Amino acid sequence: MQSQSKPITISILIPVYNVADYVKECLNSILVQIDDNAEIIVMNDASTDNSWEVLQAYQTHPKITLVQAPHNRGLSGTRNALLPLATNQYVWFIDSDDAMHDGAYTKVVNALASMDIDMLGGNYMAWRGDNKRPKKAFVGPANQIINNDSLQFIKNIVENNSNHVWNKVYKRSVIEKISFQQGKKFEDIYYMTDLSKVIKNFAFIDYPLIDYRERQGSIVQTLDKKYVDDYLGAFLYRVNHLKANLGEDPSFQNYLHYKTYNRYAGLVKKLKDNQQLDMLNYLKDHFNIKFDHIYRCIGQQIGWIRYQKLGFKHRQTEKILSQ
């Protein structure tokens, strides 16, 4: 149990880049919820629209610190630059085109007050237009401390595909040991892998923390060489960097390989559907041997039905790449 004598303090860190149409809604969703124990630090990453002008309306707000970056660093670089500015016990990264879900701040503070943990996660709402859909972002029990032995954290992330940074709140002293990989798309996947190696325990609450805005033209819409390199690279990074620990749990190693190959097969199909033959050839030349090796390491322990379905995907993938 956390001591009730000391208040829970949270630094909310918000990178901003060309989100003039959304950043006001983001900040207001936070301001209506937080108490005197929270701070908001906003860094404008050399936006080329009028985001900085929009932010000037908050220049004198006592809870908000505005910072102008000297040059564009990208999302990862801006998050890395924001972290040393935080002064509170916990850190919450929120993207500037999203919003804090109504009631989330109080839920987070109450949970952190009752559990001494390195990370608290929650669900989120997928937000497109006027429609919001609830998304479950963890498996297992809520409101329960889980020790991160035997790779429990990464197991939860892999099982539920919950690689998001913004639906989690972190103890600052813990994440100061790691950083976001700059210049990468899918930086959250790399970060979750690195986080799994430094946190001692964690918990989830069964409540949405973020309204995640799904925008046209976002990272998930782009299928170019950079997308392929960083997307597949993120999952290879996870397999390779957890290799030393995976040997302690052959069952999870098998499952991680299964999930990783599924990601690869899904991307191959997507490129085929998009008729991006040049990217299929690039993928075949640079990644197929690595992912075929991962496929051949998968055993029937994943279950007979899964194993049969994966075999079908493998044959389809090889057929597409041989054309």
C-alpha atoms as a PDB file:
ATOM      1  CA  MET A   1       0.000   0.000   0.000  1.00  0.00           C
ATOM      2  CA  GLN A   2       1.116   3.546  -0.719  1.00  0.00           C
ATOM      3  CA  SER A   3       1.398   5.951   2.159  1.00  0.00           C
ATOM      4  CA  GLN A   4      -1.597   8.263   2.272  1.00  0.00           C
ATOM      5  CA  SER A   5       0.468  11.067   3.890  1.00  0.00           C
ATOM      6  CA  LYS A   6       2.171  12.034   0.627  1.00  0.00           C
ATOM      7  CA  PRO A   7       0.004  13.086  -2.313  1.00  0.00           C
ATOM      8  CA  ILE A   8       0.358  11.434  -5.712  1.00  0.00           C
ATOM      9  CA  THR A   9       2.078  13.856  -8.084  1.00  0.00           C
ATOM     10  CA  ILE A  10       1.943  13.450 -11.862  1.00  0.00           C
ATOM     11  CA  SER A  11       3.796  15.233 -14.665  1.00  0.00           C
ATOM     12  CA  ILE A  12       1.741  15.192 -17.865  1.00  0.00           C
ATOM     13  CA  LEU A  13       4.091  15.515 -20.850  1.00  0.00           C
ATOM     14  CA  ILE A  14       2.669  16.559 -24.216  1.00  0.00           C
ATOM     15  CA  PRO A  15       4.677  16.743 -27.459  1.00  0.00           C
ATOM     16  CA  VAL A  16       3.100  19.032 -30.063  1.00  0.00           C
ATOM     17  CA  TYR A  17       3.643  19.009 -33.808  1.00  0.00           C
ATOM     18  CA  ASN A  18       1.181  20.448 -36.341  1.00  0.00           C
ATOM     19  CA  VAL A  19      -1.952  19.796 -34.282  1.00  0.00           C
ATOM     20  CA  ALA A  20      -3.449  23.285 -34.198  1.00  0.00           C
ATOM     21  CA  ASP A  21      -6.913  21.817 -34.762  1.00  0.00           C
ATOM     22  CA  TYR A  22      -6.686  19.430 -31.796  1.00  0.00           C
ATOM     23  CA  VAL A  23      -4.301  20.655 -29.094  1.00  0.00           C
ATOM     24  CA  LYS A  24      -6.807  22.974 -27.393  1.00  0.00           C
ATOM     25  CA  GLU A  25      -9.255  20.099 -26.958  1.00  0.00           C
ATOM     26  CA  CYS A  26      -6.432  17.941 -25.568  1.00  0.00           C
ATOM     27  CA  LEU A  27      -5.346  20.514 -22.986  1.00  0.00           C
ATOM     28  CA  ASN A  28      -8.868  21.386 -21.911  1.00  0.00           C
ATOM     29  CA  SER A  29      -9.721  17.716 -21.368  1.00  0.00           C
ATOM     30  CA  ILE A  30      -6.844  17.584 -18.871  1.00  0.00           C
ATOM     31  CA  LEU A  31      -7.347  20.947 -17.165  1.00  0.00           C
ATOM     32  CA  VAL A  32     -10.925  20.172 -16.147  1.00  0.00           C
ATOM     33  CA  GLN A  33      -9.715  17.078 -14.260  1.00  0.00           C
ATOM     34  CA  ILE A  34      -6.343  17.661 -12.633  1.00  0.00           C
ATOM     35  CA  ASP A  35      -5.682  18.852  -9.093  1.00  0.00           C
ATOM     36  CA  ASP A  36      -2.888  20.960  -7.596  1.00  0.00           C
ATOM     37  CA  ASN A  37      -0.533  17.962  -7.556  1.00  0.00           C
ATOM     38  CA  ALA A  38      -0.229  17.761 -11.330  1.00  0.00           C
ATOM     39  CA  GLU A  39       1.855  19.712 -13.810  1.00  0.00           C
ATOM     40  CA  ILE A  40       1.481  19.894 -17.589  1.00  0.00           C
ATOM     41  CA  ILE A  41       4.576  20.441 -19.724  1.00  0.00           C
ATOM     42  CA  VAL A  42       3.986  21.068 -23.423  1.00  0.00           C
ATOM     43  CA  MET A  43       6.804  21.128 -25.973  1.00  0.00           C
ATOM     44  CA  ASN A  44       6.190  22.472 -29.455  1.00  0.00           C
ATOM     45  CA  ASP A  45       8.391  20.461 -31.819  1.00  0.00           C
ATOM     46  CA  ALA A  46       8.968  23.271 -34.358  1.00  0.00           C
ATOM     47  CA  SER A  47       5.448  23.031 -35.790  1.00  0.00           C
ATOM     48  CA  THR A  48       4.933  24.509 -39.238  1.00  0.00           C
ATOM     49  CA  ASP A  49       1.252  25.298 -38.653  1.00  0.00           C
ATOM     50  CA  ASN A  50      -0.107  27.691 -36.001  1.00  0.00           C
ATOM     51  CA  SER A  51       0.108  25.232 -33.083  1.00  0.00           C
ATOM     52  CA  TRP A  52       2.440  27.570 -31.168  1.00  0.00           C
ATOM     53  CA  GLU A  53       0.009  30.465 -31.612  1.00  0.00           C
ATOM     54  CA  VAL A  54      -2.829  28.304 -30.240  1.00  0.00           C
ATOM     55  CA  LEU A  55      -0.673  27.392 -27.244  1.00  0.00           C
ATOM     56  CA  GLN A  56      -0.104  31.069 -26.383  1.00  0.00           C
ATOM     57  CA  ALA A  57      -3.610  31.173 -24.898  1.00  0.00           C
ATOM     58  CA  TYR A  58      -2.202  28.983 -22.082  1.00  0.00           C
ATOM     59  CA  GLN A  59       0.990  30.993 -21.569  1.00  0.00           C
ATOM     60  CA  THR A  60      -0.022  32.309 -18.157  1.00  0.00           C
ATOM     61  CA  HIS A  61      -1.882  29.233 -16.919  1.00  0.00           C
ATOM     62  CA  PRO A  62      -0.368  28.223 -13.547  1.00  0.00           C
ATOM     63  CA  LYS A  63      -0.515  24.482 -14.299  1.00  0.00           C
ATOM     64  CA  ILE A  64       1.024  24.627 -17.792  1.00  0.00           C
ATOM     65  CA  THR A  65       4.629  25.135 -18.855  1.00  0.00           C
ATOM     66  CA  LEU A  66       5.150  25.853 -22.549  1.00  0.00           C
ATOM     67  CA  VAL A  67       8.484  25.014 -24.183  1.00  0.00           C
ATOM     68  CA  GLN A  68       9.564  25.837 -27.722  1.00  0.00           C
ATOM     69  CA  ALA A  69      11.984  23.264 -29.151  1.00  0.00           C
ATOM     70  CA  PRO A  70      14.995  24.746 -30.983  1.00  0.00           C
ATOM     71  CA  HIS A  71      14.420  22.430 -33.943  1.00  0.00           C
ATOM     72  CA  ASN A  72      12.260  19.497 -34.980  1.00  0.00           C
ATOM     73  CA  ARG A  73      13.208  16.293 -33.130  1.00  0.00           C
ATOM     74  CA  GLY A  74      10.265  14.046 -33.975  1.00  0.00           C
ATOM     75  CA  LEU A  75       7.935  12.385 -31.475  1.00  0.00           C
ATOM     76  CA  SER A  76      10.569  10.236 -29.772  1.00  0.00           C
ATOM     77  CA  GLY A  77      13.083  13.064 -29.500  1.00  0.00           C
ATOM     78  CA  THR A  78      10.473  15.402 -28.062  1.00  0.00           C
ATOM     79  CA  ARG A  79       9.365  12.857 -25.466  1.00  0.00           C
ATOM     80  CA  ASN A  80      13.007  12.340 -24.513  1.00  0.00           C
ATOM     81  CA  ALA A  81      13.482  16.105 -24.179  1.00  0.00           C
ATOM     82  CA  LEU A  82      10.341  16.455 -22.058  1.00  0.00           C
ATOM     83  CA  LEU A  83      11.228  13.821 -19.468  1.00  0.00           C
ATOM     84  CA  PRO A  84      14.115  15.753 -17.786  1.00  0.00           C
ATOM     85  CA  LEU A  85      11.726  18.694 -17.320  1.00  0.00           C
ATOM     86  CA  ALA A  86       9.314  16.613 -15.223  1.00  0.00           C
ATOM     87  CA  THR A  87       9.469  17.171 -11.466  1.00  0.00           C
ATOM     88  CA  ASN A  88       6.767  14.845 -10.157  1.00  0.00           C
ATOM     89  CA  GLN A  89       6.806  11.230  -8.996  1.00  0.00           C
ATOM     90  CA  TYR A  90       4.856   9.845 -11.953  1.00  0.00           C
ATOM     91  CA  VAL A  91       4.879  10.652 -15.669  1.00  0.00           C
ATOM     92  CA  TRP A  92       2.029  10.429 -18.162  1.00  0.00           C
ATOM     93  CA  PHE A  93       2.781  10.946 -21.868  1.00  0.00           C
ATOM     94  CA  ILE A  94      -0.285  12.192 -23.752  1.00  0.00           C
ATOM     95  CA  ASP A  95      -0.334  12.858 -27.491  1.00  0.00           C
ATOM     96  CA  SER A  96      -1.576  16.308 -28.430  1.00  0.00           C
ATOM     97  CA  ASP A  97      -4.284  15.125 -30.829  1.00  0.00           C
ATOM     98  CA  ASP A  98      -5.837  12.845 -28.189  1.00  0.00           C
ATOM     99  CA  ALA A  99      -7.764  13.672 -25.018  1.00  0.00           C
ATOM    100  CA  MET A 100      -7.747  12.517 -21.418  1.00  0.00           C
ATOM    101  CA  HIS A 101     -10.877  10.442 -20.923  1.00  0.00           C
ATOM    102  CA  ASP A 102     -13.427  11.988 -18.600  1.00  0.00           C
ATOM    103  CA  GLY A 103     -12.772  10.888 -15.024  1.00  0.00           C
ATOM    104  CA  ALA A 104      -9.441   9.214 -15.842  1.00  0.00           C
ATOM    105  CA  TYR A 105      -7.238  11.466 -13.702  1.00  0.00           C
ATOM    106  CA  THR A 106      -9.082  10.698 -10.458  1.00  0.00           C
ATOM    107  CA  LYS A 107      -9.101   6.975 -11.276  1.00  0.00           C
ATOM    108  CA  VAL A 108      -5.341   7.044 -11.842  1.00  0.00           C
ATOM    109  CA  VAL A 109      -4.568   8.993  -8.667  1.00  0.00           C
ATOM    110  CA  ASN A 110      -6.744   6.716  -6.531  1.00  0.00           C
ATOM    111  CA  ALA A 111      -5.123   3.599  -7.973  1.00  0.00           C
ATOM    112  CA  LEU A 112      -1.582   4.924  -7.473  1.00  0.00           C
ATOM    113  CA  ALA A 113      -2.449   5.924  -3.919  1.00  0.00           C
ATOM    114  CA  SER A 114      -3.429   2.337  -3.124  1.00  0.00           C
ATOM    115  CA  MET A 115      -0.583   0.527  -4.927  1.00  0.00           C
ATOM    116  CA  ASP A 116       3.158   1.218  -4.927  1.00  0.00           C
ATOM    117  CA  ILE A 117       3.888   0.284  -8.549  1.00  0.00           C
ATOM    118  CA  ASP A 118       6.270   1.212 -11.354  1.00  0.00           C
ATOM    119  CA  MET A 119       3.535   1.444 -13.969  1.00  0.00           C
ATOM    120  CA  LEU A 120      -0.246   1.753 -14.087  1.00  0.00           C
ATOM    121  CA  GLY A 121      -2.125   0.986 -17.294  1.00  0.00           C
ATOM    122  CA  GLY A 122      -5.724   1.273 -18.403  1.00  0.00           C
ATOM    123  CA  ASN A 123      -8.050   0.919 -21.356  1.00  0.00           C
ATOM    124  CA  TYR A 124      -8.799   3.554 -23.994  1.00  0.00           C
ATOM    125  CA  MET A 125     -11.477   4.765 -26.375  1.00  0.00           C
ATOM    126  CA  ALA A 126     -10.887   4.590 -30.139  1.00  0.00           C
ATOM    127  CA  TRP A 127     -12.193   7.927 -31.419  1.00  0.00           C
ATOM    128  CA  ARG A 128     -13.137   8.570 -35.031  1.00  0.00           C
ATOM    129  CA  GLY A 129     -15.382  11.517 -35.826  1.00  0.00           C
ATOM    130  CA  ASP A 130     -18.255  11.511 -33.343  1.00  0.00           C
ATOM    131  CA  ASN A 131     -17.889   7.808 -32.616  1.00  0.00           C
ATOM    132  CA  LYS A 132     -15.941   6.402 -29.645  1.00  0.00           C
ATOM    133  CA  ARG A 133     -15.454   2.658 -29.141  1.00  0.00           C
ATOM    134  CA  PRO A 134     -14.078   1.124 -25.930  1.00  0.00           C
ATOM    135  CA  LYS A 135     -10.839  -0.833 -26.309  1.00  0.00           C
ATOM    136  CA  LYS A 136      -9.560  -3.311 -23.745  1.00  0.00           C
ATOM    137  CA  ALA A 137      -5.819  -2.870 -23.262  1.00  0.00           C
ATOM    138  CA  PHE A 138      -4.842  -5.580 -20.794  1.00  0.00           C
ATOM    139  CA  VAL A 139      -5.542  -9.177 -19.854  1.00  0.00           C
ATOM    140  CA  GLY A 140      -5.946 -10.595 -16.378  1.00  0.00           C
ATOM    141  CA  PRO A 141      -7.210  -9.052 -13.138  1.00  0.00           C
ATOM    142  CA  ALA A 142      -7.589  -5.307 -12.562  1.00  0.00           C
ATOM    143  CA  ASN A 143      -6.510  -3.402  -9.439  1.00  0.00           C
ATOM    144  CA  GLN A 144      -3.928  -6.021  -8.539  1.00  0.00           C
ATOM    145  CA  ILE A 145      -0.161  -5.643  -8.267  1.00  0.00           C
ATOM    146  CA  ILE A 146       1.619  -7.960 -10.701  1.00  0.00           C
ATOM    147  CA  ASN A 147       5.311  -8.641 -10.157  1.00  0.00           C
ATOM    148  CA  ASN A 148       7.329  -8.471 -13.353  1.00  0.00           C
ATOM    149  CA  ASP A 149       9.085 -11.768 -12.908  1.00  0.00           C
ATOM    150  CA  SER A 150       9.019 -14.315 -15.719  1.00  0.00           C
ATOM    151  CA  LEU A 151       8.354 -11.515 -18.227  1.00  0.00           C
ATOM    152  CA  GLN A 152       4.814 -10.908 -16.939  1.00  0.00           C
ATOM    153  CA  PHE A 153       4.665  -7.362 -18.315  1.00  0.00           C
ATOM    154  CA  ILE A 154       5.702  -8.158 -21.879  1.00  0.00           C
ATOM    155  CA  LYS A 155       3.469 -11.240 -21.820  1.00  0.00           C
ATOM    156  CA  ASN A 156       0.499  -8.981 -21.112  1.00  0.00           C
ATOM    157  CA  ILE A 157       1.531  -6.530 -23.836  1.00  0.00           C
ATOM    158  CA  VAL A 158       2.000  -9.287 -26.428  1.00  0.00           C
ATOM    159  CA  GLU A 159      -1.224 -11.090 -25.519  1.00  0.00           C
ATOM    160  CA  ASN A 160      -3.336  -7.950 -25.914  1.00  0.00           C
ATOM    161  CA  ASN A 161      -1.273  -6.103 -28.568  1.00  0.00           C
ATOM    162  CA  SER A 162      -1.212  -3.107 -26.199  1.00  0.00           C
ATOM    163  CA  ASN A 163       2.021  -1.372 -27.154  1.00  0.00           C
ATOM    164  CA  HIS A 164       0.690   2.143 -26.565  1.00  0.00           C
ATOM    165  CA  VAL A 165       2.686   4.533 -24.385  1.00  0.00           C
ATOM    166  CA  TRP A 166      -0.160   6.974 -23.673  1.00  0.00           C
ATOM    167  CA  ASN A 167      -2.557   4.647 -21.797  1.00  0.00           C
ATOM    168  CA  LYS A 168       0.026   4.071 -19.074  1.00  0.00           C
ATOM    169  CA  VAL A 169       1.431   6.152 -16.210  1.00  0.00           C
ATOM    170  CA  TYR A 170       5.031   5.531 -15.140  1.00  0.00           C
ATOM    171  CA  LYS A 171       7.160   6.083 -12.063  1.00  0.00           C
ATOM    172  CA  ARG A 172       9.636   8.720 -13.224  1.00  0.00           C
ATOM    173  CA  SER A 173      12.650   7.183 -11.466  1.00  0.00           C
ATOM    174  CA  VAL A 174      12.081   3.973 -13.450  1.00  0.00           C
ATOM    175  CA  ILE A 175      11.703   5.355 -16.966  1.00  0.00           C
ATOM    176  CA  GLU A 176      14.693   7.647 -16.522  1.00  0.00           C
ATOM    177  CA  LYS A 177      16.694   4.448 -17.142  1.00  0.00           C
ATOM    178  CA  ILE A 178      15.422   4.122 -20.735  1.00  0.00           C
ATOM    179  CA  SER A 179      14.591   6.396 -23.663  1.00  0.00           C
ATOM    180  CA  PHE A 180      12.572   6.460 -26.856  1.00  0.00           C
ATOM    181  CA  GLN A 181      14.427   5.391 -29.974  1.00  0.00           C
ATOM    182  CA  GLN A 182      14.685   8.446 -32.178  1.00  0.00           C
ATOM    183  CA  GLY A 183      13.944   8.376 -35.868  1.00  0.00           C
ATOM    184  CA  LYS A 184      11.663   5.342 -35.588  1.00  0.00           C
ATOM    185  CA  LYS A 185       8.030   4.915 -36.446  1.00  0.00           C
ATOM    186  CA  PHE A 186       6.300   2.487 -34.062  1.00  0.00           C
ATOM    187  CA  GLU A 187       8.480   3.890 -31.297  1.00  0.00           C
ATOM    188  CA  ASP A 188       5.984   2.643 -28.706  1.00  0.00           C
ATOM    189  CA  ILE A 189       6.724  -1.003 -29.584  1.00  0.00           C
ATOM    190  CA  TYR A 190      10.444  -0.503 -29.019  1.00  0.00           C
ATOM    191  CA  TYR A 191       9.709   1.395 -25.795  1.00  0.00           C
ATOM    192  CA  MET A 192       7.467  -1.314 -24.336  1.00  0.00           C
ATOM    193  CA  THR A 193      10.207  -3.873 -24.970  1.00  0.00           C
ATOM    194  CA  ASP A 194      12.775  -1.734 -23.150  1.00  0.00           C
ATOM    195  CA  LEU A 195      10.317  -0.941 -20.354  1.00  0.00           C
ATOM    196  CA  SER A 196       9.743  -4.638 -19.734  1.00  0.00           C
ATOM    197  CA  LYS A 197      13.377  -4.954 -18.686  1.00  0.00           C
ATOM    198  CA  VAL A 198      13.333  -2.214 -16.018  1.00  0.00           C
ATOM    199  CA  ILE A 199       9.969  -2.292 -14.246  1.00  0.00           C
ATOM    200  CA  LYS A 200       9.595  -4.404 -11.113  1.00  0.00           C
ATOM    201  CA  ASN A 201       5.804  -4.429 -10.912  1.00  0.00           C
ATOM    202  CA  PHE A 202       2.697  -3.006 -12.529  1.00  0.00           C
ATOM    203  CA  ALA A 203      -1.090  -2.959 -12.435  1.00  0.00           C
ATOM    204  CA  PHE A 204      -4.085  -2.131 -14.604  1.00  0.00           C
ATOM    205  CA  ILE A 205      -7.407  -0.463 -13.949  1.00  0.00           C
ATOM    206  CA  ASP A 206     -10.505  -1.389 -15.909  1.00  0.00           C
ATOM    207  CA  TYR A 207     -11.231   2.153 -17.072  1.00  0.00           C
ATOM    208  CA  PRO A 208     -10.339   4.128 -20.219  1.00  0.00           C
ATOM    209  CA  LEU A 209      -7.530   6.623 -19.684  1.00  0.00           C
ATOM    210  CA  ILE A 210      -7.331   8.162 -23.150  1.00  0.00           C
ATOM    211  CA  ASP A 211      -9.627   9.027 -26.032  1.00  0.00           C
ATOM    212  CA  TYR A 212      -7.350   8.017 -28.906  1.00  0.00           C
ATOM    213  CA  ARG A 213      -8.100   9.945 -32.082  1.00  0.00           C
ATOM    214  CA  GLU A 214      -7.849   7.880 -35.261  1.00  0.00           C
ATOM    215  CA  ARG A 215      -6.918  10.335 -37.988  1.00  0.00           C
ATOM    216  CA  GLN A 216      -6.618   9.933 -41.736  1.00  0.00           C
ATOM    217  CA  GLY A 217      -2.999  10.124 -42.777  1.00  0.00           C
ATOM    218  CA  SER A 218      -1.724   8.808 -39.463  1.00  0.00           C
ATOM    219  CA  ILE A 219       1.190   6.385 -39.140  1.00  0.00           C
ATOM    220  CA  VAL A 220      -1.018   3.342 -39.677  1.00  0.00           C
ATOM    221  CA  GLN A 221      -2.028   4.536 -43.150  1.00  0.00           C
ATOM    222  CA  THR A 222       1.487   4.733 -44.626  1.00  0.00           C
ATOM    223  CA  LEU A 223       3.096   1.707 -46.265  1.00  0.00           C
ATOM    224  CA  ASP A 224       6.510   2.782 -47.517  1.00  0.00           C
ATOM    225  CA  LYS A 225      10.050   1.527 -46.961  1.00  0.00           C
ATOM    226  CA  LYS A 226      10.333   3.398 -43.671  1.00  0.00           C
ATOM    227  CA  TYR A 227       7.087   1.801 -42.480  1.00  0.00           C
ATOM    228  CA  VAL A 228       8.287  -1.716 -43.354  1.00  0.00           C
ATOM    229  CA  ASP A 229      11.739  -1.237 -41.805  1.00  0.00           C
ATOM    230  CA  ASP A 230      10.480   0.194 -38.524  1.00  0.00           C
ATOM    231  CA  TYR A 231       7.384  -1.990 -38.165  1.00  0.00           C
ATOM    232  CA  LEU A 232       9.119  -5.304 -38.736  1.00  0.00           C
ATOM    233  CA  GLY A 233      12.266  -4.028 -37.051  1.00  0.00           C
ATOM    234  CA  ALA A 234      10.300  -3.327 -33.864  1.00  0.00           C
ATOM    235  CA  PHE A 235       9.153  -6.941 -33.566  1.00  0.00           C
ATOM    236  CA  LEU A 236      12.575  -8.352 -34.431  1.00  0.00           C
ATOM    237  CA  TYR A 237      14.016  -6.037 -31.768  1.00  0.00           C
ATOM    238  CA  ARG A 238      11.592  -7.510 -29.235  1.00  0.00           C
ATOM    239  CA  VAL A 239      12.450 -11.117 -30.096  1.00  0.00           C
ATOM    240  CA  ASN A 240      16.197 -10.451 -30.109  1.00  0.00           C
ATOM    241  CA  HIS A 241      16.353  -8.316 -26.973  1.00  0.00           C
ATOM    242  CA  LEU A 242      14.296 -10.714 -24.915  1.00  0.00           C
ATOM    243  CA  LYS A 243      16.162 -13.771 -26.188  1.00  0.00           C
ATOM    244  CA  ALA A 244      18.203 -14.218 -23.011  1.00  0.00           C
ATOM    245  CA  ASN A 245      15.062 -14.253 -20.872  1.00  0.00           C
ATOM    246  CA  LEU A 246      12.872 -16.194 -23.271  1.00  0.00           C
ATOM    247  CA  GLY A 247      14.846 -19.370 -22.667  1.00  0.00           C
ATOM    248  CA  GLU A 248      13.428 -19.414 -19.152  1.00  0.00           C
ATOM    249  CA  ASP A 249       9.913 -19.816 -20.553  1.00  0.00           C
ATOM    250  CA  PRO A 250       9.819 -21.919 -23.749  1.00  0.00           C
ATOM    251  CA  SER A 251       6.021 -21.706 -23.866  1.00  0.00           C
ATOM    252  CA  PHE A 252       6.044 -17.907 -24.044  1.00  0.00           C
ATOM    253  CA  GLN A 253       8.945 -17.940 -26.469  1.00  0.00           C
ATOM    254  CA  ASN A 254       6.821 -20.102 -28.751  1.00  0.00           C
ATOM    255  CA  TYR A 255       3.832 -17.771 -28.359  1.00  0.00           C
ATOM    256  CA  LEU A 256       5.915 -14.647 -29.022  1.00  0.00           C
ATOM    257  CA  HIS A 257       7.273 -16.202 -32.213  1.00  0.00           C
ATOM    258  CA  TYR A 258       3.711 -17.079 -33.218  1.00  0.00           C
ATOM    259  CA  LYS A 259       2.484 -13.507 -32.679  1.00  0.00           C
ATOM    260  CA  THR A 260       5.552 -12.077 -34.423  1.00  0.00           C
ATOM    261  CA  TYR A 261       5.133 -14.193 -37.543  1.00  0.00           C
ATOM    262  CA  ASN A 262       1.446 -13.274 -37.665  1.00  0.00           C
ATOM    263  CA  ARG A 263       2.481  -9.605 -37.832  1.00  0.00           C
ATOM    264  CA  TYR A 264       4.771 -10.391 -40.752  1.00  0.00           C
ATOM    265  CA  ALA A 265       2.157 -12.411 -42.647  1.00  0.00           C
ATOM    266  CA  GLY A 266      -0.395  -9.650 -42.093  1.00  0.00           C
ATOM    267  CA  LEU A 267       1.932  -7.058 -43.566  1.00  0.00           C
ATOM    268  CA  VAL A 268       2.652  -9.219 -46.615  1.00  0.00           C
ATOM    269  CA  LYS A 269      -1.084  -9.569 -47.268  1.00  0.00           C
ATOM    270  CA  LYS A 270      -1.611  -5.835 -46.812  1.00  0.00           C
ATOM    271  CA  LEU A 271       1.096  -5.003 -49.336  1.00  0.00           C
ATOM    272  CA  LYS A 272      -0.424  -7.503 -51.775  1.00  0.00           C
ATOM    273  CA  ASP A 273      -3.887  -5.979 -51.337  1.00  0.00           C
ATOM    274  CA  ASN A 274      -2.366  -2.543 -51.968  1.00  0.00           C
ATOM    275  CA  GLN A 275      -0.625  -3.937 -55.064  1.00  0.00           C
ATOM    276  CA  GLN A 276       2.717  -2.624 -53.805  1.00  0.00           C
ATOM    277  CA  LEU A 277       4.890  -5.084 -55.696  1.00  0.00           C
ATOM    278  CA  ASP A 278       8.061  -3.050 -55.169  1.00  0.00           C
ATOM    279  CA  MET A 279       7.605  -3.187 -51.403  1.00  0.00           C
ATOM    280  CA  LEU A 280       6.882  -6.921 -51.527  1.00  0.00           C
ATOM    281  CA  ASN A 281      10.172  -7.456 -53.340  1.00  0.00           C
ATOM    282  CA  TYR A 282      11.964  -5.268 -50.797  1.00  0.00           C
ATOM    283  CA  LEU A 283      10.420  -7.200 -47.916  1.00  0.00           C
ATOM    284  CA  LYS A 284      11.338 -10.519 -49.516  1.00  0.00           C
ATOM    285  CA  ASP A 285      14.973  -9.459 -49.972  1.00  0.00           C
ATOM    286  CA  HIS A 286      15.460  -7.946 -46.520  1.00  0.00           C
ATOM    287  CA  PHE A 287      13.158  -9.746 -44.093  1.00  0.00           C
ATOM    288  CA  ASN A 288      11.817 -13.059 -45.353  1.00  0.00           C
ATOM    289  CA  ILE A 289      14.749 -15.216 -44.212  1.00  0.00           C
ATOM    290  CA  LYS A 290      14.526 -13.785 -40.678  1.00  0.00           C
ATOM    291  CA  PHE A 291      10.793 -14.288 -40.350  1.00  0.00           C
ATOM    292  CA  ASP A 292      10.860 -17.696 -41.999  1.00  0.00           C
ATOM    293  CA  HIS A 293      13.365 -18.716 -39.318  1.00  0.00           C
ATOM    294  CA  ILE A 294      10.978 -17.439 -36.630  1.00  0.00           C
ATOM    295  CA  TYR A 295       8.154 -19.450 -38.211  1.00  0.00           C
ATOM    296  CA  ARG A 296      10.219 -22.641 -38.158  1.00  0.00           C
ATOM    297  CA  CYS A 297      10.909 -22.181 -34.436  1.00  0.00           C
ATOM    298  CA  ILE A 298       7.186 -22.348 -33.652  1.00  0.00           C
ATOM    299  CA  GLY A 299       5.951 -25.629 -32.244  1.00  0.00           C
ATOM    300  CA  GLN A 300       2.511 -27.142 -31.780  1.00  0.00           C
ATOM    301  CA  GLN A 301       2.432 -25.947 -28.145  1.00  0.00           C
ATOM    302  CA  ILE A 302       0.503 -22.914 -29.412  1.00  0.00           C
ATOM    303  CA  GLY A 303      -2.417 -25.288 -29.971  1.00  0.00           C
ATOM    304  CA  TRP A 304      -3.321 -27.500 -32.899  1.00  0.00           C
ATOM    305  CA  ILE A 305      -5.859 -25.119 -34.472  1.00  0.00           C
ATOM    306  CA  ARG A 306      -3.529 -22.117 -34.197  1.00  0.00           C
ATOM    307  CA  TYR A 307      -0.681 -24.206 -35.593  1.00  0.00           C
ATOM    308  CA  GLN A 308      -2.735 -25.286 -38.607  1.00  0.00           C
ATOM    309  CA  LYS A 309      -3.940 -21.753 -39.301  1.00  0.00           C
ATOM    310  CA  LEU A 310      -0.407 -20.429 -39.040  1.00  0.00           C
ATOM    311  CA  GLY A 311       0.810 -23.077 -41.463  1.00  0.00           C
ATOM    312  CA  PHE A 312      -1.820 -21.897 -43.950  1.00  0.00           C
ATOM    313  CA  LYS A 313      -0.682 -18.281 -43.487  1.00  0.00           C
ATOM    314  CA  HIS A 314       2.919 -19.327 -44.041  1.00  0.00           C
ATOM    315  CA  ARG A 315       2.059 -21.080 -47.297  1.00  0.00           C
ATOM    316  CA  GLN A 316       0.031 -18.075 -48.472  1.00  0.00           C
ATOM    317  CA  THR A 317       2.862 -15.720 -47.529  1.00  0.00           C
ATOM    318  CA  GLU A 318       5.429 -17.767 -49.438  1.00  0.00           C
ATOM    319  CA  LYS A 319       3.105 -17.929 -52.432  1.00  0.00           C
ATOM    320  CA  ILE A 320       2.656 -14.153 -52.501  1.00  0.00           C
ATOM    321  CA  LEU A 321       6.393 -13.529 -52.228  1.00  0.00           C
ATOM    322  CA  SER A 322       7.215 -16.035 -54.973  1.00  0.00           C
ATOM    323  CA  GLN A 323       5.038 -14.325 -57.551  1.00  0.00           C
END
